[in-house]
Amino acid sequence: MERSLETQVDQAVEAWLRWVPRWEPATHRGRVAPCRRCLGSPILSAAGIGANTPHGVQHGLSTRMKTIVDHAVADYTARNLPMLQRELDHQAARNRARSYRPAEDLDPEFDGLPLDPEPVPGAPFLFTIAGLADESAAALPALPPLTEEAKAALRQEVALADEFANMVGREICGMLLRHRIYIQAAISQHVEPQIEALLAELTDSLDSPFDPEAP
């Protein structure tokens, strides 16, 4: 029996709560571009996760909720939108034929993030993971062309899929409201103390920049 949407949300939140104690602040240079999945996300707002929460913590939850939406939309599309389903099947077959697929099967905390770090000015990469993946995709034949009538019909089905995705997203936001207290408690217990420790360490280093006993 297929799990209900509510059960899926409950289990995804529980998985995120189990992961949060393992979170640690990133020690590498952050990216300049904001994450379009997390920036202004109504799902994160419903969960009570503020914009000042570290992005890694946000991303782990927003990705888990996106997966639920994606699965619901995939089921809806398979049952109701034959043209869109056919195009998705073509694209899936094309993706499976690629020899290099580095963005697949990632943990939720990394899914959807850029494959490569930000480039350093004056120090170009010899190669990038994204570039290798693009080369692999470019070697495949293009998808069959569509007539103008087929394009118009496909746009209508895409609009219906988007409308359904928005509806599922709104339902998830409502379900997350009752998880807010547990989500916020986890951030207070496991995330905020690490941030406060980093800020205290930074303050100490600024107060005593020339202290010979400083580490």
C-alpha atoms as a PDB file:
ATOM      1  CA  MET A   1       0.000   0.000   0.000  1.00  0.00           C
ATOM      2  CA  GLU A   2       1.344   3.395  -0.972  1.00  0.00           C
ATOM      3  CA  ARG A   3       2.220   5.644   1.933  1.00  0.00           C
ATOM      4  CA  SER A   4       0.023   8.671   2.504  1.00  0.00           C
ATOM      5  CA  LEU A   5       1.453  12.133   1.947  1.00  0.00           C
ATOM      6  CA  GLU A   6       1.279  12.800   5.670  1.00  0.00           C
ATOM      7  CA  THR A   7       3.252   9.632   6.437  1.00  0.00           C
ATOM      8  CA  GLN A   8       5.901  10.563   3.889  1.00  0.00           C
ATOM      9  CA  VAL A   9       6.312  14.013   5.431  1.00  0.00           C
ATOM     10  CA  ASP A  10       6.525  12.554   8.940  1.00  0.00           C
ATOM     11  CA  GLN A  11       9.200  10.075   7.884  1.00  0.00           C
ATOM     12  CA  ALA A  12      11.189  12.711   5.976  1.00  0.00           C
ATOM     13  CA  VAL A  13      11.212  15.037   8.983  1.00  0.00           C
ATOM     14  CA  GLU A  14      12.275  12.173  11.235  1.00  0.00           C
ATOM     15  CA  ALA A  15      15.138  11.354   8.851  1.00  0.00           C
ATOM     16  CA  TRP A  16      16.228  15.015   8.883  1.00  0.00           C
ATOM     17  CA  LEU A  17      16.053  15.107  12.698  1.00  0.00           C
ATOM     18  CA  ARG A  18      18.334  12.056  12.825  1.00  0.00           C
ATOM     19  CA  TRP A  19      20.792  13.775  10.482  1.00  0.00           C
ATOM     20  CA  VAL A  20      20.971  17.200  12.170  1.00  0.00           C
ATOM     21  CA  PRO A  21      23.183  16.019  15.102  1.00  0.00           C
ATOM     22  CA  ARG A  22      25.829  15.061  12.501  1.00  0.00           C
ATOM     23  CA  TRP A  23      25.864  18.521  10.891  1.00  0.00           C
ATOM     24  CA  GLU A  24      29.075  20.522  11.171  1.00  0.00           C
ATOM     25  CA  PRO A  25      29.885  24.027   9.882  1.00  0.00           C
ATOM     26  CA  ALA A  26      31.584  24.048   6.505  1.00  0.00           C
ATOM     27  CA  THR A  27      35.259  24.927   6.598  1.00  0.00           C
ATOM     28  CA  HIS A  28      35.577  25.714   2.880  1.00  0.00           C
ATOM     29  CA  ARG A  29      34.761  28.942   1.076  1.00  0.00           C
ATOM     30  CA  GLY A  30      31.032  29.251   0.448  1.00  0.00           C
ATOM     31  CA  ARG A  31      29.442  29.850  -2.937  1.00  0.00           C
ATOM     32  CA  VAL A  32      28.334  33.294  -4.035  1.00  0.00           C
ATOM     33  CA  ALA A  33      25.184  32.224  -5.904  1.00  0.00           C
ATOM     34  CA  PRO A  34      22.139  31.573  -3.672  1.00  0.00           C
ATOM     35  CA  CYS A  35      20.400  28.202  -3.721  1.00  0.00           C
ATOM     36  CA  ARG A  36      17.195  28.572  -5.727  1.00  0.00           C
ATOM     37  CA  ARG A  37      15.702  25.570  -3.948  1.00  0.00           C
ATOM     38  CA  CYS A  38      16.058  27.122  -0.503  1.00  0.00           C
ATOM     39  CA  LEU A  39      15.969  30.896  -1.020  1.00  0.00           C
ATOM     40  CA  GLY A  40      12.515  32.131  -0.021  1.00  0.00           C
ATOM     41  CA  SER A  41      11.177  28.581   0.227  1.00  0.00           C
ATOM     42  CA  PRO A  42       7.640  28.463   1.679  1.00  0.00           C
ATOM     43  CA  ILE A  43       8.401  24.944   2.883  1.00  0.00           C
ATOM     44  CA  LEU A  44      11.286  26.173   5.049  1.00  0.00           C
ATOM     45  CA  SER A  45       9.116  29.018   6.300  1.00  0.00           C
ATOM     46  CA  ALA A  46       6.372  26.568   7.272  1.00  0.00           C
ATOM     47  CA  ALA A  47       8.967  24.420   9.052  1.00  0.00           C
ATOM     48  CA  GLY A  48      10.110  27.428  11.081  1.00  0.00           C
ATOM     49  CA  ILE A  49      13.615  27.496   9.598  1.00  0.00           C
ATOM     50  CA  GLY A  50      14.781  31.089   9.292  1.00  0.00           C
ATOM     51  CA  ALA A  51      16.997  32.602   6.618  1.00  0.00           C
ATOM     52  CA  ASN A  52      19.850  32.911   9.132  1.00  0.00           C
ATOM     53  CA  THR A  53      19.999  29.117   9.565  1.00  0.00           C
ATOM     54  CA  PRO A  54      23.054  27.639   7.799  1.00  0.00           C
ATOM     55  CA  HIS A  55      22.232  26.627   4.254  1.00  0.00           C
ATOM     56  CA  GLY A  56      23.305  23.022   4.710  1.00  0.00           C
ATOM     57  CA  VAL A  57      20.699  22.608   7.434  1.00  0.00           C
ATOM     58  CA  GLN A  58      18.028  24.215   5.244  1.00  0.00           C
ATOM     59  CA  HIS A  59      18.946  22.185   2.174  1.00  0.00           C
ATOM     60  CA  GLY A  60      18.672  18.828   3.908  1.00  0.00           C
ATOM     61  CA  LEU A  61      15.019  19.448   4.743  1.00  0.00           C
ATOM     62  CA  SER A  62      13.954  21.273   1.575  1.00  0.00           C
ATOM     63  CA  THR A  63      15.421  18.497  -0.596  1.00  0.00           C
ATOM     64  CA  ARG A  64      13.580  15.803   1.336  1.00  0.00           C
ATOM     65  CA  MET A  65      10.304  17.668   0.843  1.00  0.00           C
ATOM     66  CA  LYS A  66      11.062  18.256  -2.848  1.00  0.00           C
ATOM     67  CA  THR A  67      11.543  14.509  -3.292  1.00  0.00           C
ATOM     68  CA  ILE A  68       8.050  13.925  -1.903  1.00  0.00           C
ATOM     69  CA  VAL A  69       6.592  16.506  -4.295  1.00  0.00           C
ATOM     70  CA  ASP A  70       8.506  15.017  -7.224  1.00  0.00           C
ATOM     71  CA  HIS A  71       7.203  11.518  -6.513  1.00  0.00           C
ATOM     72  CA  ALA A  72       3.620  12.780  -6.211  1.00  0.00           C
ATOM     73  CA  VAL A  73       3.905  14.697  -9.494  1.00  0.00           C
ATOM     74  CA  ALA A  74       5.464  11.671 -11.213  1.00  0.00           C
ATOM     75  CA  ASP A  75       2.510   9.507 -10.147  1.00  0.00           C
ATOM     76  CA  TYR A  76       0.002  12.176 -11.250  1.00  0.00           C
ATOM     77  CA  THR A  77       1.772  12.555 -14.597  1.00  0.00           C
ATOM     78  CA  ALA A  78       1.841   8.823 -15.251  1.00  0.00           C
ATOM     79  CA  ARG A  79      -1.921   8.600 -14.635  1.00  0.00           C
ATOM     80  CA  ASN A  80      -3.147  11.778 -16.299  1.00  0.00           C
ATOM     81  CA  LEU A  81      -0.620  13.399 -18.659  1.00  0.00           C
ATOM     82  CA  PRO A  82       0.379  10.947 -21.424  1.00  0.00           C
ATOM     83  CA  MET A  83       2.263  13.389 -23.654  1.00  0.00           C
ATOM     84  CA  LEU A  84       4.372  14.759 -20.811  1.00  0.00           C
ATOM     85  CA  GLN A  85       4.999  11.219 -19.571  1.00  0.00           C
ATOM     86  CA  ARG A  86       6.199  10.187 -23.012  1.00  0.00           C
ATOM     87  CA  GLU A  87       8.635  13.106 -23.128  1.00  0.00           C
ATOM     88  CA  LEU A  88       9.884  12.300 -19.634  1.00  0.00           C
ATOM     89  CA  ASP A  89      10.400   8.666 -20.638  1.00  0.00           C
ATOM     90  CA  HIS A  90      12.460   9.790 -23.646  1.00  0.00           C
ATOM     91  CA  GLN A  91      14.552  12.050 -21.446  1.00  0.00           C
ATOM     92  CA  ALA A  92      15.024   9.328 -18.812  1.00  0.00           C
ATOM     93  CA  ALA A  93      16.204   6.871 -21.459  1.00  0.00           C
ATOM     94  CA  ARG A  94      18.598   9.499 -22.791  1.00  0.00           C
ATOM     95  CA  ASN A  95      19.958  10.149 -19.293  1.00  0.00           C
ATOM     96  CA  ARG A  96      20.470   6.436 -18.661  1.00  0.00           C
ATOM     97  CA  ALA A  97      22.561   6.244 -21.831  1.00  0.00           C
ATOM     98  CA  ARG A  98      25.033   8.828 -20.503  1.00  0.00           C
ATOM     99  CA  SER A  99      28.352   7.348 -19.479  1.00  0.00           C
ATOM    100  CA  TYR A 100      28.898   9.807 -16.604  1.00  0.00           C
ATOM    101  CA  ARG A 101      26.114  10.815 -14.201  1.00  0.00           C
ATOM    102  CA  PRO A 102      27.723  12.473 -11.147  1.00  0.00           C
ATOM    103  CA  ALA A 103      24.522  14.163  -9.904  1.00  0.00           C
ATOM    104  CA  GLU A 104      22.603  10.924  -9.353  1.00  0.00           C
ATOM    105  CA  ASP A 105      22.054   9.072  -6.057  1.00  0.00           C
ATOM    106  CA  LEU A 106      23.354  11.890  -3.861  1.00  0.00           C
ATOM    107  CA  ASP A 107      22.349  12.243  -0.223  1.00  0.00           C
ATOM    108  CA  PRO A 108      19.574  14.847   0.323  1.00  0.00           C
ATOM    109  CA  GLU A 109      22.082  17.254   1.877  1.00  0.00           C
ATOM    110  CA  PHE A 110      24.003  17.420  -1.437  1.00  0.00           C
ATOM    111  CA  ASP A 111      21.298  16.830  -4.034  1.00  0.00           C
ATOM    112  CA  GLY A 112      20.812  19.852  -6.269  1.00  0.00           C
ATOM    113  CA  LEU A 113      23.972  21.657  -5.173  1.00  0.00           C
ATOM    114  CA  PRO A 114      26.622  22.709  -7.731  1.00  0.00           C
ATOM    115  CA  LEU A 115      28.979  19.884  -8.628  1.00  0.00           C
ATOM    116  CA  ASP A 116      32.081  22.086  -8.553  1.00  0.00           C
ATOM    117  CA  PRO A 117      33.419  24.739  -6.148  1.00  0.00           C
ATOM    118  CA  GLU A 118      33.461  28.396  -7.089  1.00  0.00           C
ATOM    119  CA  PRO A 119      36.434  29.127  -9.364  1.00  0.00           C
ATOM    120  CA  VAL A 120      39.282  31.167  -7.956  1.00  0.00           C
ATOM    121  CA  PRO A 121      40.172  34.195 -10.130  1.00  0.00           C
ATOM    122  CA  GLY A 122      43.408  33.578 -11.984  1.00  0.00           C
ATOM    123  CA  ALA A 123      43.402  29.852 -11.172  1.00  0.00           C
ATOM    124  CA  PRO A 124      41.248  28.072 -13.765  1.00  0.00           C
ATOM    125  CA  PHE A 125      40.291  24.430 -13.343  1.00  0.00           C
ATOM    126  CA  LEU A 126      41.930  21.853 -15.596  1.00  0.00           C
ATOM    127  CA  PHE A 127      38.503  20.223 -15.792  1.00  0.00           C
ATOM    128  CA  THR A 128      35.216  20.330 -13.892  1.00  0.00           C
ATOM    129  CA  ILE A 129      32.767  17.612 -12.931  1.00  0.00           C
ATOM    130  CA  ALA A 130      29.933  19.563 -14.544  1.00  0.00           C
ATOM    131  CA  GLY A 131      31.980  19.934 -17.717  1.00  0.00           C
ATOM    132  CA  LEU A 132      32.620  16.198 -17.916  1.00  0.00           C
ATOM    133  CA  ALA A 133      28.911  15.531 -17.416  1.00  0.00           C
ATOM    134  CA  ASP A 134      28.038  18.015 -20.181  1.00  0.00           C
ATOM    135  CA  GLU A 135      30.476  16.322 -22.547  1.00  0.00           C
ATOM    136  CA  SER A 136      28.833  12.978 -21.824  1.00  0.00           C
ATOM    137  CA  ALA A 137      25.358  14.411 -22.510  1.00  0.00           C
ATOM    138  CA  ALA A 138      26.486  16.171 -25.704  1.00  0.00           C
ATOM    139  CA  ALA A 139      27.558  12.849 -27.212  1.00  0.00           C
ATOM    140  CA  LEU A 140      23.960  11.554 -27.185  1.00  0.00           C
ATOM    141  CA  PRO A 141      21.510  12.068 -30.048  1.00  0.00           C
ATOM    142  CA  ALA A 142      18.951  14.835 -29.612  1.00  0.00           C
ATOM    143  CA  LEU A 143      15.354  14.115 -28.652  1.00  0.00           C
ATOM    144  CA  PRO A 144      12.922  13.782 -31.578  1.00  0.00           C
ATOM    145  CA  PRO A 145      11.450  17.143 -32.657  1.00  0.00           C
ATOM    146  CA  LEU A 146       7.838  18.086 -31.866  1.00  0.00           C
ATOM    147  CA  THR A 147       5.230  19.713 -34.077  1.00  0.00           C
ATOM    148  CA  GLU A 148       3.814  23.080 -33.049  1.00  0.00           C
ATOM    149  CA  GLU A 149       0.545  21.380 -32.068  1.00  0.00           C
ATOM    150  CA  ALA A 150       2.421  18.883 -29.925  1.00  0.00           C
ATOM    151  CA  LYS A 151       4.398  21.683 -28.286  1.00  0.00           C
ATOM    152  CA  ALA A 152       1.191  23.530 -27.401  1.00  0.00           C
ATOM    153  CA  ALA A 153      -0.368  20.375 -25.952  1.00  0.00           C
ATOM    154  CA  LEU A 154       2.812  19.632 -24.021  1.00  0.00           C
ATOM    155  CA  ARG A 155       2.835  23.143 -22.537  1.00  0.00           C
ATOM    156  CA  GLN A 156      -0.719  22.601 -21.293  1.00  0.00           C
ATOM    157  CA  GLU A 157       0.243  19.334 -19.606  1.00  0.00           C
ATOM    158  CA  VAL A 158       3.335  20.939 -18.052  1.00  0.00           C
ATOM    159  CA  ALA A 159       1.092  23.686 -16.653  1.00  0.00           C
ATOM    160  CA  LEU A 160      -1.193  21.039 -15.126  1.00  0.00           C
ATOM    161  CA  ALA A 161       1.802  19.260 -13.585  1.00  0.00           C
ATOM    162  CA  ASP A 162       3.056  22.556 -12.137  1.00  0.00           C
ATOM    163  CA  GLU A 163      -0.399  23.295 -10.696  1.00  0.00           C
ATOM    164  CA  PHE A 164      -0.494  19.860  -9.070  1.00  0.00           C
ATOM    165  CA  ALA A 165       3.026  20.335  -7.671  1.00  0.00           C
ATOM    166  CA  ASN A 166       1.985  23.645  -6.122  1.00  0.00           C
ATOM    167  CA  MET A 167      -1.053  21.989  -4.547  1.00  0.00           C
ATOM    168  CA  VAL A 168       1.064  19.205  -3.036  1.00  0.00           C
ATOM    169  CA  GLY A 169       3.570  21.789  -1.809  1.00  0.00           C
ATOM    170  CA  ARG A 170       0.822  23.722  -0.031  1.00  0.00           C
ATOM    171  CA  GLU A 171      -0.387  20.539   1.646  1.00  0.00           C
ATOM    172  CA  ILE A 172       3.143  19.763   2.819  1.00  0.00           C
ATOM    173  CA  CYS A 173       3.483  23.283   4.246  1.00  0.00           C
ATOM    174  CA  GLY A 174       0.362  22.696   6.303  1.00  0.00           C
ATOM    175  CA  MET A 175       1.669  19.370   7.572  1.00  0.00           C
ATOM    176  CA  LEU A 176       5.026  20.870   8.534  1.00  0.00           C
ATOM    177  CA  LEU A 177       3.397  23.320  10.929  1.00  0.00           C
ATOM    178  CA  ARG A 178       2.984  20.612  13.539  1.00  0.00           C
ATOM    179  CA  HIS A 179       6.658  19.670  13.230  1.00  0.00           C
ATOM    180  CA  ARG A 180       7.949  23.207  13.836  1.00  0.00           C
ATOM    181  CA  ILE A 181       8.617  22.786  17.545  1.00  0.00           C
ATOM    182  CA  TYR A 182      10.774  19.675  16.960  1.00  0.00           C
ATOM    183  CA  ILE A 183      12.618  21.208  14.010  1.00  0.00           C
ATOM    184  CA  GLN A 184      13.393  24.402  15.899  1.00  0.00           C
ATOM    185  CA  ALA A 185      14.444  22.441  18.987  1.00  0.00           C
ATOM    186  CA  ALA A 186      16.902  20.410  16.897  1.00  0.00           C
ATOM    187  CA  ILE A 187      18.424  23.585  15.455  1.00  0.00           C
ATOM    188  CA  SER A 188      18.689  25.131  18.919  1.00  0.00           C
ATOM    189  CA  GLN A 189      20.351  22.031  20.335  1.00  0.00           C
ATOM    190  CA  HIS A 190      22.706  20.965  17.545  1.00  0.00           C
ATOM    191  CA  VAL A 191      23.253  23.905  15.169  1.00  0.00           C
ATOM    192  CA  GLU A 192      23.182  27.160  17.113  1.00  0.00           C
ATOM    193  CA  PRO A 193      25.842  26.109  19.693  1.00  0.00           C
ATOM    194  CA  GLN A 194      28.290  25.365  16.868  1.00  0.00           C
ATOM    195  CA  ILE A 195      27.605  28.741  15.268  1.00  0.00           C
ATOM    196  CA  GLU A 196      28.047  30.505  18.610  1.00  0.00           C
ATOM    197  CA  ALA A 197      31.355  28.680  19.152  1.00  0.00           C
ATOM    198  CA  LEU A 198      32.591  29.808  15.732  1.00  0.00           C
ATOM    199  CA  LEU A 199      31.612  33.406  16.453  1.00  0.00           C
ATOM    200  CA  ALA A 200      33.330  33.293  19.856  1.00  0.00           C
ATOM    201  CA  GLU A 201      36.496  31.930  18.244  1.00  0.00           C
ATOM    202  CA  LEU A 202      36.385  34.670  15.612  1.00  0.00           C
ATOM    203  CA  THR A 203      35.876  37.331  18.277  1.00  0.00           C
ATOM    204  CA  ASP A 204      38.861  36.038  20.269  1.00  0.00           C
ATOM    205  CA  SER A 205      41.091  36.087  17.183  1.00  0.00           C
ATOM    206  CA  LEU A 206      40.053  39.656  16.379  1.00  0.00           C
ATOM    207  CA  ASP A 207      40.608  40.821  19.959  1.00  0.00           C
ATOM    208  CA  SER A 208      44.091  39.286  20.088  1.00  0.00           C
ATOM    209  CA  PRO A 209      45.436  39.151  16.515  1.00  0.00           C
ATOM    210  CA  PHE A 210      49.061  39.192  17.613  1.00  0.00           C
ATOM    211  CA  ASP A 211      48.795  36.976  20.695  1.00  0.00           C
ATOM    212  CA  PRO A 212      51.836  34.632  20.514  1.00  0.00           C
ATOM    213  CA  GLU A 213      49.959  32.044  22.541  1.00  0.00           C
ATOM    214  CA  ALA A 214      46.991  32.056  20.187  1.00  0.00           C
ATOM    215  CA  PRO A 215      46.625  28.775  18.255  1.00  0.00           C
END
